[in-house]
């Protein structure tokens, strides 16, 4: 029973976080929120299909947006491989 506590929450084939857009659609029914929910769930399914997790995608997006240079960190504390 305790061995599965570190695994991500899944509901059928969706990640637990993918149900958040669905919850927004259920609370506020409209065609716009329906399309947003479908796009959000599709995004999470594609991320899962690629073998990534949501936090790793957010780190990747931050890395692409900011770049490899970390100017606020002194030279002697910078990670070389990051």
Protein backbone atom coordinates (compact mmCIF):
# COMPACT_ATOMS: atom_id res chain seq x y z
CA UNK A 1 0.00 0.00 0.00
CA UNK A 2 2.72 2.52 0.87
CA UNK A 3 4.90 1.72 -2.13
CA UNK A 4 2.66 3.74 -4.48
CA UNK A 5 2.66 6.95 -2.45
CA UNK A 6 5.51 8.50 -4.46
CA UNK A 7 3.88 7.83 -7.83
CA UNK A 8 2.02 10.67 -9.55
CA UNK A 9 -1.75 10.75 -9.14
CA UNK A 10 -3.52 9.40 -12.21
CA UNK A 11 -7.18 9.23 -13.13
CA UNK A 12 -7.52 6.70 -15.96
CA UNK A 13 -4.98 7.93 -18.53
CA UNK A 14 -4.76 11.53 -17.26
CA UNK A 15 -2.32 13.02 -14.80
CA UNK A 16 -4.01 14.42 -11.69
CA UNK A 17 -3.02 17.94 -12.71
CA UNK A 18 -4.80 17.49 -16.04
CA UNK A 19 -8.11 17.36 -14.23
CA UNK A 20 -7.77 20.99 -13.10
CA UNK A 21 -8.94 22.39 -16.48
CA UNK A 22 -11.78 19.88 -16.39
CA UNK A 23 -12.75 21.13 -12.94
CA UNK A 24 -12.79 24.71 -14.21
CA UNK A 25 -15.10 23.63 -17.03
CA UNK A 26 -17.44 21.82 -14.64
CA UNK A 27 -17.67 24.86 -12.36
CA UNK A 28 -18.21 27.39 -15.15
CA UNK A 29 -19.89 25.85 -18.19
CA UNK A 30 -19.30 27.62 -21.46
CA UNK A 31 -17.85 26.79 -24.83
CA UNK A 32 -14.72 28.84 -24.11
CA UNK A 33 -13.92 26.94 -20.91
CA UNK A 34 -14.70 23.68 -22.70
CA UNK A 35 -12.08 24.47 -25.35
CA UNK A 36 -9.60 25.59 -22.69
CA UNK A 37 -10.19 22.35 -20.77
CA UNK A 38 -9.68 20.23 -23.90
CA UNK A 39 -6.47 22.08 -24.79
CA UNK A 40 -5.21 21.79 -21.20
CA UNK A 41 -5.88 18.06 -21.03
CA UNK A 42 -4.27 17.59 -24.45
CA UNK A 43 -1.19 19.45 -23.24
CA UNK A 44 -0.88 17.19 -20.20
CA UNK A 45 -1.38 14.05 -22.28
CA UNK A 46 1.32 15.15 -24.75
CA UNK A 47 3.69 15.94 -21.88
CA UNK A 48 3.06 12.51 -20.40
CA UNK A 49 3.48 10.85 -23.80
CA UNK A 50 6.86 12.58 -24.18
CA UNK A 51 7.96 10.99 -20.91
CA UNK A 52 8.21 14.21 -18.95
CA UNK A 53 6.56 15.47 -15.80
CA UNK A 54 4.89 18.84 -15.35
CA UNK A 55 7.63 20.23 -13.05
CA UNK A 56 10.31 19.20 -15.57
CA UNK A 57 8.38 20.95 -18.39
CA UNK A 58 8.15 24.10 -16.26
CA UNK A 59 11.91 23.94 -15.60
CA UNK A 60 12.52 23.45 -19.33
CA UNK A 61 10.32 26.44 -20.20
CA UNK A 62 12.10 28.58 -17.61
CA UNK A 63 15.46 27.48 -19.00
CA UNK A 64 14.41 28.36 -22.57
CA UNK A 65 12.99 31.71 -21.47
CA UNK A 66 15.84 32.83 -19.22
CA UNK A 67 18.81 31.10 -20.84
CA UNK A 68 21.83 29.35 -19.43
CA UNK A 69 23.43 32.45 -17.91
CA UNK A 70 22.78 32.89 -14.20
CA UNK A 71 23.91 36.43 -13.51
CA UNK A 72 22.72 36.70 -9.90
CA UNK A 73 24.97 33.83 -8.79
CA UNK A 74 28.68 34.48 -8.20
CA UNK A 75 31.12 32.89 -10.64
CA UNK A 76 32.47 30.41 -8.10
CA UNK A 77 28.97 29.12 -7.27
CA UNK A 78 27.66 28.71 -10.81
CA UNK A 79 26.84 25.22 -12.03
CA UNK A 80 28.91 24.38 -15.05
CA UNK A 81 26.59 21.80 -16.64
CA UNK A 82 23.30 23.66 -16.14
